[in-house]
Amino acid sequence: ERAIQCLRMLLEGSSIRSVERVLGVHRDTIIATMVEAGEKCQGFLERTVVQVHVNDCQVDEVWGFCYAKEKTRVRLGLGEDTGDCWTFTALERNTKFILAWHVGKRTPADTRLFAEKLSRATSGRFQLTTDGFTPYLTAIPAVFGNRIDFATLVKVYGEPEDERRYSPARVVDVIPTVRIGNPDEDRICTSHVERHNKTLRMQIRRLTRLTDGHSKKWANHEAALALFLAYY
């Protein structure tokens, strides 16, 4: 019962140390419980989310970091399991179901791995929309071939009104581009998956900006994501 309380607090956006203070459970025990549950959740999702029939899928990446930010990682010569840590997610537009996800670097290799996970999770022909991240343009066709209707949507931002604002500038234009097949131009959109990024940042303390609640270990970060996405 105490373990479930710890997990529920983590799923509501509490930090490890706040859970420790409220419930009186040592932080090492909380982390060990989260990692064990997260690994089991990851296995559960891989077994169950397979060959799902979908109509409209949107893909995006949300940034986080482990141990140190990328500039510090490079300066200190740290390993690839630190620094920038991107979470790729694929969301079904109508049901808001997360079809596939992947934690890695924002590289062609990790993009390809994510595309393969999405391919295993889906069946049939469907529409897929991504942003303008260049590796998608090779990874998606290589993995899916012609079985999808694929388009990209690039948002053009204007000049920031206030440089002190910690938010993107206003969107002044969007550029939809058909890549494969015949996607419905009215449904070329990434707004739903971008809104889900907000849910991730609100509910997972490790992704909340401008706090020291970031992950210190890559495995813990991945377990926290698996735990939340299975719960979600």
C-alpha atoms as a PDB file:
ATOM      1  CA  GLU A   1       0.000   0.000   0.000  1.00  0.00           C
ATOM      2  CA  ARG A   2       2.835   2.411   0.820  1.00  0.00           C
ATOM      3  CA  ALA A   3       4.564   1.571  -2.469  1.00  0.00           C
ATOM      4  CA  ILE A   4       1.389   2.379  -4.412  1.00  0.00           C
ATOM      5  CA  GLN A   5       1.118   5.697  -2.568  1.00  0.00           C
ATOM      6  CA  CYS A   6       4.671   6.546  -3.609  1.00  0.00           C
ATOM      7  CA  LEU A   7       3.964   5.706  -7.252  1.00  0.00           C
ATOM      8  CA  ARG A   8       0.716   7.676  -7.284  1.00  0.00           C
ATOM      9  CA  MET A   9       2.470  10.773  -5.965  1.00  0.00           C
ATOM     10  CA  LEU A  10       5.162  10.442  -8.621  1.00  0.00           C
ATOM     11  CA  LEU A  11       2.457  10.100 -11.288  1.00  0.00           C
ATOM     12  CA  GLU A  12       0.895  13.345 -10.073  1.00  0.00           C
ATOM     13  CA  GLY A  13       4.107  15.282 -10.605  1.00  0.00           C
ATOM     14  CA  SER A  14       5.698  15.142  -7.154  1.00  0.00           C
ATOM     15  CA  SER A  15       9.469  14.986  -6.868  1.00  0.00           C
ATOM     16  CA  ILE A  16      11.330  12.121  -5.227  1.00  0.00           C
ATOM     17  CA  ARG A  17      12.245  14.201  -2.176  1.00  0.00           C
ATOM     18  CA  SER A  18       8.733  15.585  -1.724  1.00  0.00           C
ATOM     19  CA  VAL A  19       7.389  12.023  -1.672  1.00  0.00           C
ATOM     20  CA  GLU A  20      10.085  11.174   0.851  1.00  0.00           C
ATOM     21  CA  ARG A  21       9.021  14.064   3.101  1.00  0.00           C
ATOM     22  CA  VAL A  22       5.274  13.415   2.866  1.00  0.00           C
ATOM     23  CA  LEU A  23       5.245   9.631   3.208  1.00  0.00           C
ATOM     24  CA  GLY A  24       8.377   9.072   5.271  1.00  0.00           C
ATOM     25  CA  VAL A  25       9.844   6.586   2.778  1.00  0.00           C
ATOM     26  CA  HIS A  26      13.556   6.815   1.966  1.00  0.00           C
ATOM     27  CA  ARG A  27      14.330   8.212  -1.489  1.00  0.00           C
ATOM     28  CA  ASP A  28      16.412   5.160  -2.459  1.00  0.00           C
ATOM     29  CA  THR A  29      13.401   2.942  -1.790  1.00  0.00           C
ATOM     30  CA  ILE A  30      11.156   5.265  -3.819  1.00  0.00           C
ATOM     31  CA  ILE A  31      13.540   5.208  -6.786  1.00  0.00           C
ATOM     32  CA  ALA A  32      13.960   1.420  -6.625  1.00  0.00           C
ATOM     33  CA  THR A  33      10.174   0.987  -6.543  1.00  0.00           C
ATOM     34  CA  MET A  34       9.724   3.350  -9.490  1.00  0.00           C
ATOM     35  CA  VAL A  35      12.396   1.607 -11.577  1.00  0.00           C
ATOM     36  CA  GLU A  36      10.942  -1.849 -10.890  1.00  0.00           C
ATOM     37  CA  ALA A  37       7.408  -0.710 -11.755  1.00  0.00           C
ATOM     38  CA  GLY A  38       8.635   1.245 -14.785  1.00  0.00           C
ATOM     39  CA  GLU A  39      10.513  -1.721 -16.241  1.00  0.00           C
ATOM     40  CA  LYS A  40       7.438  -3.923 -15.862  1.00  0.00           C
ATOM     41  CA  CYS A  41       5.265  -1.219 -17.449  1.00  0.00           C
ATOM     42  CA  GLN A  42       7.661  -0.998 -20.382  1.00  0.00           C
ATOM     43  CA  GLY A  43       7.411  -4.748 -20.946  1.00  0.00           C
ATOM     44  CA  PHE A  44       3.631  -4.584 -20.628  1.00  0.00           C
ATOM     45  CA  LEU A  45       3.351  -1.854 -23.283  1.00  0.00           C
ATOM     46  CA  GLU A  46       5.655  -3.717 -25.682  1.00  0.00           C
ATOM     47  CA  ARG A  47       3.541  -6.881 -25.365  1.00  0.00           C
ATOM     48  CA  THR A  48       0.094  -5.301 -25.590  1.00  0.00           C
ATOM     49  CA  VAL A  49       0.352  -2.313 -27.940  1.00  0.00           C
ATOM     50  CA  VAL A  50       0.890  -4.333 -31.122  1.00  0.00           C
ATOM     51  CA  GLN A  51      -0.823  -4.153 -34.520  1.00  0.00           C
ATOM     52  CA  VAL A  52      -3.346  -1.530 -33.422  1.00  0.00           C
ATOM     53  CA  HIS A  53      -5.615  -0.248 -36.175  1.00  0.00           C
ATOM     54  CA  VAL A  54      -5.386   3.553 -36.360  1.00  0.00           C
ATOM     55  CA  ASN A  55      -6.571   6.307 -38.683  1.00  0.00           C
ATOM     56  CA  ASP A  56      -4.561   9.398 -37.849  1.00  0.00           C
ATOM     57  CA  CYS A  57      -1.231   9.532 -36.002  1.00  0.00           C
ATOM     58  CA  GLN A  58       0.881  12.509 -34.916  1.00  0.00           C
ATOM     59  CA  VAL A  59       4.526  12.374 -33.855  1.00  0.00           C
ATOM     60  CA  ASP A  60       6.678  14.782 -31.862  1.00  0.00           C
ATOM     61  CA  GLU A  61       9.703  14.888 -29.545  1.00  0.00           C
ATOM     62  CA  VAL A  62       9.934  16.437 -26.082  1.00  0.00           C
ATOM     63  CA  TRP A  63      13.276  17.527 -24.641  1.00  0.00           C
ATOM     64  CA  GLY A  64      14.737  16.634 -21.273  1.00  0.00           C
ATOM     65  CA  PHE A  65      18.206  15.959 -19.887  1.00  0.00           C
ATOM     66  CA  CYS A  66      19.991  13.496 -17.652  1.00  0.00           C
ATOM     67  CA  TYR A  67      22.645  14.455 -15.083  1.00  0.00           C
ATOM     68  CA  ALA A  68      23.748  17.576 -17.003  1.00  0.00           C
ATOM     69  CA  LYS A  69      22.728  19.615 -20.000  1.00  0.00           C
ATOM     70  CA  GLU A  70      24.380  18.914 -23.338  1.00  0.00           C
ATOM     71  CA  LYS A  71      26.934  21.754 -23.232  1.00  0.00           C
ATOM     72  CA  THR A  72      28.131  20.599 -19.821  1.00  0.00           C
ATOM     73  CA  ARG A  73      28.253  16.984 -21.001  1.00  0.00           C
ATOM     74  CA  VAL A  74      30.507  17.933 -23.903  1.00  0.00           C
ATOM     75  CA  ARG A  75      32.687  20.187 -21.756  1.00  0.00           C
ATOM     76  CA  LEU A  76      33.222  17.486 -19.124  1.00  0.00           C
ATOM     77  CA  GLY A  77      33.570  14.650 -21.645  1.00  0.00           C
ATOM     78  CA  LEU A  78      30.710  12.631 -20.162  1.00  0.00           C
ATOM     79  CA  GLY A  79      29.152   9.574 -21.801  1.00  0.00           C
ATOM     80  CA  GLU A  80      26.178   9.414 -24.149  1.00  0.00           C
ATOM     81  CA  ASP A  81      23.925   8.326 -21.277  1.00  0.00           C
ATOM     82  CA  THR A  82      23.965  11.926 -20.032  1.00  0.00           C
ATOM     83  CA  GLY A  83      23.053  15.261 -21.573  1.00  0.00           C
ATOM     84  CA  ASP A  84      20.116  15.810 -23.908  1.00  0.00           C
ATOM     85  CA  CYS A  85      17.444  13.140 -23.565  1.00  0.00           C
ATOM     86  CA  TRP A  86      14.593  13.259 -26.084  1.00  0.00           C
ATOM     87  CA  THR A  87      11.292  11.392 -25.769  1.00  0.00           C
ATOM     88  CA  PHE A  88       9.679  10.552 -29.103  1.00  0.00           C
ATOM     89  CA  THR A  89       5.927   9.931 -28.884  1.00  0.00           C
ATOM     90  CA  ALA A  90       3.305   8.874 -31.413  1.00  0.00           C
ATOM     91  CA  LEU A  91      -0.278   9.800 -30.525  1.00  0.00           C
ATOM     92  CA  GLU A  92      -3.504   8.682 -32.207  1.00  0.00           C
ATOM     93  CA  ARG A  93      -5.395  11.884 -32.926  1.00  0.00           C
ATOM     94  CA  ASN A  94      -8.939  10.695 -32.154  1.00  0.00           C
ATOM     95  CA  THR A  95      -8.424   8.527 -29.069  1.00  0.00           C
ATOM     96  CA  LYS A  96      -5.293  10.312 -27.695  1.00  0.00           C
ATOM     97  CA  PHE A  97      -3.751   6.858 -27.302  1.00  0.00           C
ATOM     98  CA  ILE A  98       0.058   6.690 -27.186  1.00  0.00           C
ATOM     99  CA  LEU A  99       0.972   4.097 -29.800  1.00  0.00           C
ATOM    100  CA  ALA A 100       4.751   4.159 -29.431  1.00  0.00           C
ATOM    101  CA  TRP A 101       7.487   6.024 -27.598  1.00  0.00           C
ATOM    102  CA  HIS A 102      11.243   6.024 -27.462  1.00  0.00           C
ATOM    103  CA  VAL A 103      13.823   7.661 -25.208  1.00  0.00           C
ATOM    104  CA  GLY A 104      17.068   8.572 -26.948  1.00  0.00           C
ATOM    105  CA  LYS A 105      19.117  11.218 -28.637  1.00  0.00           C
ATOM    106  CA  ARG A 106      17.737  13.389 -31.437  1.00  0.00           C
ATOM    107  CA  THR A 107      19.694  11.472 -34.071  1.00  0.00           C
ATOM    108  CA  PRO A 108      18.879   9.526 -37.264  1.00  0.00           C
ATOM    109  CA  ALA A 109      19.599   6.221 -35.492  1.00  0.00           C
ATOM    110  CA  ASP A 110      17.156   6.887 -32.642  1.00  0.00           C
ATOM    111  CA  THR A 111      14.598   8.247 -35.109  1.00  0.00           C
ATOM    112  CA  ARG A 112      14.823   4.966 -37.028  1.00  0.00           C
ATOM    113  CA  LEU A 113      14.370   2.935 -33.824  1.00  0.00           C
ATOM    114  CA  PHE A 114      11.300   4.975 -32.948  1.00  0.00           C
ATOM    115  CA  ALA A 115       9.845   4.504 -36.444  1.00  0.00           C
ATOM    116  CA  GLU A 116      10.328   0.726 -36.123  1.00  0.00           C
ATOM    117  CA  LYS A 117       8.494   0.737 -32.785  1.00  0.00           C
ATOM    118  CA  LEU A 118       5.615   2.673 -34.349  1.00  0.00           C
ATOM    119  CA  SER A 119       5.489   0.238 -37.253  1.00  0.00           C
ATOM    120  CA  ARG A 120       5.198  -2.744 -34.892  1.00  0.00           C
ATOM    121  CA  ALA A 121       2.475  -0.985 -32.898  1.00  0.00           C
ATOM    122  CA  THR A 122       0.232  -0.197 -35.879  1.00  0.00           C
ATOM    123  CA  SER A 123      -1.526  -2.031 -38.681  1.00  0.00           C
ATOM    124  CA  GLY A 124      -3.169  -1.065 -41.938  1.00  0.00           C
ATOM    125  CA  ARG A 125      -2.942   2.239 -43.749  1.00  0.00           C
ATOM    126  CA  PHE A 126      -3.139   5.480 -41.783  1.00  0.00           C
ATOM    127  CA  GLN A 127      -2.169   9.134 -41.958  1.00  0.00           C
ATOM    128  CA  LEU A 128       1.021  10.225 -40.202  1.00  0.00           C
ATOM    129  CA  THR A 129       2.118  13.795 -39.491  1.00  0.00           C
ATOM    130  CA  THR A 130       5.494  14.838 -38.071  1.00  0.00           C
ATOM    131  CA  ASP A 131       7.330  18.126 -37.674  1.00  0.00           C
ATOM    132  CA  GLY A 132      10.183  19.125 -39.964  1.00  0.00           C
ATOM    133  CA  PHE A 133      12.905  17.147 -38.153  1.00  0.00           C
ATOM    134  CA  THR A 134      15.064  15.999 -41.087  1.00  0.00           C
ATOM    135  CA  PRO A 135      15.709  12.332 -40.051  1.00  0.00           C
ATOM    136  CA  TYR A 136      11.966  11.636 -40.304  1.00  0.00           C
ATOM    137  CA  LEU A 137      12.229  12.167 -44.063  1.00  0.00           C
ATOM    138  CA  THR A 138      14.446   9.083 -44.420  1.00  0.00           C
ATOM    139  CA  ALA A 139      13.425   6.941 -41.428  1.00  0.00           C
ATOM    140  CA  ILE A 140       9.667   6.997 -42.091  1.00  0.00           C
ATOM    141  CA  PRO A 141       9.826   5.953 -45.777  1.00  0.00           C
ATOM    142  CA  ALA A 142      12.492   3.330 -45.032  1.00  0.00           C
ATOM    143  CA  VAL A 143      10.382   1.663 -42.328  1.00  0.00           C
ATOM    144  CA  PHE A 144       6.822   2.122 -43.612  1.00  0.00           C
ATOM    145  CA  GLY A 145       7.303   2.155 -47.370  1.00  0.00           C
ATOM    146  CA  ASN A 146       4.047   3.105 -49.067  1.00  0.00           C
ATOM    147  CA  ARG A 147       1.639   1.791 -46.439  1.00  0.00           C
ATOM    148  CA  ILE A 148       1.013   5.235 -44.912  1.00  0.00           C
ATOM    149  CA  ASP A 149      -0.036   8.713 -46.006  1.00  0.00           C
ATOM    150  CA  PHE A 150       2.805  10.815 -44.649  1.00  0.00           C
ATOM    151  CA  ALA A 151       3.062  14.605 -44.337  1.00  0.00           C
ATOM    152  CA  THR A 152       5.173  17.101 -42.414  1.00  0.00           C
ATOM    153  CA  LEU A 153       4.064  20.346 -40.807  1.00  0.00           C
ATOM    154  CA  VAL A 154       6.662  23.070 -40.229  1.00  0.00           C
ATOM    155  CA  LYS A 155       5.727  26.016 -38.005  1.00  0.00           C
ATOM    156  CA  VAL A 156       7.300  29.406 -38.701  1.00  0.00           C
ATOM    157  CA  TYR A 157       7.788  31.620 -35.643  1.00  0.00           C
ATOM    158  CA  GLY A 158       7.984  35.402 -35.599  1.00  0.00           C
ATOM    159  CA  GLU A 159      10.331  37.579 -33.591  1.00  0.00           C
ATOM    160  CA  PRO A 160       9.820  37.304 -29.805  1.00  0.00           C
ATOM    161  CA  GLU A 161       7.948  40.235 -28.339  1.00  0.00           C
ATOM    162  CA  ASP A 162       9.864  40.004 -25.085  1.00  0.00           C
ATOM    163  CA  GLU A 163      13.244  38.244 -24.926  1.00  0.00           C
ATOM    164  CA  ARG A 164      12.670  37.519 -21.235  1.00  0.00           C
ATOM    165  CA  ARG A 165       9.663  35.308 -21.958  1.00  0.00           C
ATOM    166  CA  TYR A 166      10.346  31.625 -21.432  1.00  0.00           C
ATOM    167  CA  SER A 167       8.048  30.508 -24.228  1.00  0.00           C
ATOM    168  CA  PRO A 168       8.169  30.268 -28.024  1.00  0.00           C
ATOM    169  CA  ALA A 169       7.402  33.267 -30.180  1.00  0.00           C
ATOM    170  CA  ARG A 170       4.053  33.579 -31.932  1.00  0.00           C
ATOM    171  CA  VAL A 171       3.437  31.247 -34.884  1.00  0.00           C
ATOM    172  CA  VAL A 172       3.152  33.377 -38.035  1.00  0.00           C
ATOM    173  CA  ASP A 173       2.825  30.618 -40.627  1.00  0.00           C
ATOM    174  CA  VAL A 174       2.559  26.844 -41.061  1.00  0.00           C
ATOM    175  CA  ILE A 175       3.921  24.913 -44.031  1.00  0.00           C
ATOM    176  CA  PRO A 176       2.279  21.525 -44.694  1.00  0.00           C
ATOM    177  CA  THR A 177       4.130  19.239 -47.121  1.00  0.00           C
ATOM    178  CA  VAL A 178       2.949  15.911 -48.529  1.00  0.00           C
ATOM    179  CA  ARG A 179       5.714  13.286 -48.409  1.00  0.00           C
ATOM    180  CA  ILE A 180       4.108   9.897 -49.135  1.00  0.00           C
ATOM    181  CA  GLY A 181       0.719   8.877 -50.475  1.00  0.00           C
ATOM    182  CA  ASN A 182      -2.343  11.074 -50.346  1.00  0.00           C
ATOM    183  CA  PRO A 183      -2.836  12.534 -46.844  1.00  0.00           C
ATOM    184  CA  ASP A 184      -5.928  14.607 -46.106  1.00  0.00           C
ATOM    185  CA  GLU A 185      -4.596  18.172 -46.022  1.00  0.00           C
ATOM    186  CA  ASP A 186      -7.233  19.198 -43.477  1.00  0.00           C
ATOM    187  CA  ARG A 187      -5.777  16.657 -41.053  1.00  0.00           C
ATOM    188  CA  ILE A 188      -2.094  17.560 -41.437  1.00  0.00           C
ATOM    189  CA  CYS A 189      -1.606  18.616 -37.835  1.00  0.00           C
ATOM    190  CA  THR A 190       0.679  18.118 -34.826  1.00  0.00           C
ATOM    191  CA  SER A 191      -1.289  20.171 -32.282  1.00  0.00           C
ATOM    192  CA  HIS A 192      -2.684  17.171 -30.415  1.00  0.00           C
ATOM    193  CA  VAL A 193       0.677  15.519 -29.776  1.00  0.00           C
ATOM    194  CA  GLU A 194       2.172  18.909 -28.847  1.00  0.00           C
ATOM    195  CA  ARG A 195      -0.601  19.332 -26.298  1.00  0.00           C
ATOM    196  CA  HIS A 196       0.306  15.904 -24.937  1.00  0.00           C
ATOM    197  CA  ASN A 197       3.852  17.187 -24.426  1.00  0.00           C
ATOM    198  CA  LYS A 198       2.339  19.604 -21.918  1.00  0.00           C
ATOM    199  CA  THR A 199       0.726  16.676 -20.108  1.00  0.00           C
ATOM    200  CA  LEU A 200       4.114  14.974 -19.868  1.00  0.00           C
ATOM    201  CA  ARG A 201       5.746  18.097 -18.449  1.00  0.00           C
ATOM    202  CA  MET A 202       2.929  18.683 -15.958  1.00  0.00           C
ATOM    203  CA  GLN A 203       2.756  15.096 -14.674  1.00  0.00           C
ATOM    204  CA  ILE A 204       6.393  13.964 -14.783  1.00  0.00           C
ATOM    205  CA  ARG A 205       8.594  15.979 -12.459  1.00  0.00           C
ATOM    206  CA  ARG A 206      11.716  15.020 -14.412  1.00  0.00           C
ATOM    207  CA  LEU A 207      10.401  16.945 -17.426  1.00  0.00           C
ATOM    208  CA  THR A 208       9.281  20.065 -15.564  1.00  0.00           C
ATOM    209  CA  ARG A 209      11.369  22.981 -16.787  1.00  0.00           C
ATOM    210  CA  LEU A 210      13.502  25.215 -14.537  1.00  0.00           C
ATOM    211  CA  THR A 211      13.618  22.824 -11.591  1.00  0.00           C
ATOM    212  CA  ASP A 212      16.321  20.560 -10.178  1.00  0.00           C
ATOM    213  CA  GLY A 213      13.982  17.561 -10.423  1.00  0.00           C
ATOM    214  CA  HIS A 214      15.747  16.304 -13.555  1.00  0.00           C
ATOM    215  CA  SER A 215      16.928  12.715 -13.911  1.00  0.00           C
ATOM    216  CA  LYS A 216      20.398  11.817 -12.744  1.00  0.00           C
ATOM    217  CA  LYS A 217      20.441   8.400 -14.468  1.00  0.00           C
ATOM    218  CA  TRP A 218      19.203   7.482 -17.946  1.00  0.00           C
ATOM    219  CA  ALA A 219      17.607   4.212 -16.740  1.00  0.00           C
ATOM    220  CA  ASN A 220      15.604   6.077 -14.090  1.00  0.00           C
ATOM    221  CA  HIS A 221      14.413   8.585 -16.690  1.00  0.00           C
ATOM    222  CA  GLU A 222      13.241   5.842 -19.032  1.00  0.00           C
ATOM    223  CA  ALA A 223      11.509   3.962 -16.200  1.00  0.00           C
ATOM    224  CA  ALA A 224       9.657   7.114 -15.141  1.00  0.00           C
ATOM    225  CA  LEU A 225       8.416   7.623 -18.710  1.00  0.00           C
ATOM    226  CA  ALA A 226       7.281   4.002 -19.014  1.00  0.00           C
ATOM    227  CA  LEU A 227       5.456   4.179 -15.688  1.00  0.00           C
ATOM    228  CA  PHE A 228       3.556   7.315 -16.645  1.00  0.00           C
ATOM    229  CA  LEU A 229       2.695   6.247 -20.203  1.00  0.00           C
ATOM    230  CA  ALA A 230       1.315   2.911 -19.001  1.00  0.00           C
ATOM    231  CA  TYR A 231      -0.714   4.765 -16.354  1.00  0.00           C
ATOM    232  CA  TYR A 232      -1.871   7.331 -18.927  1.00  0.00           C
END
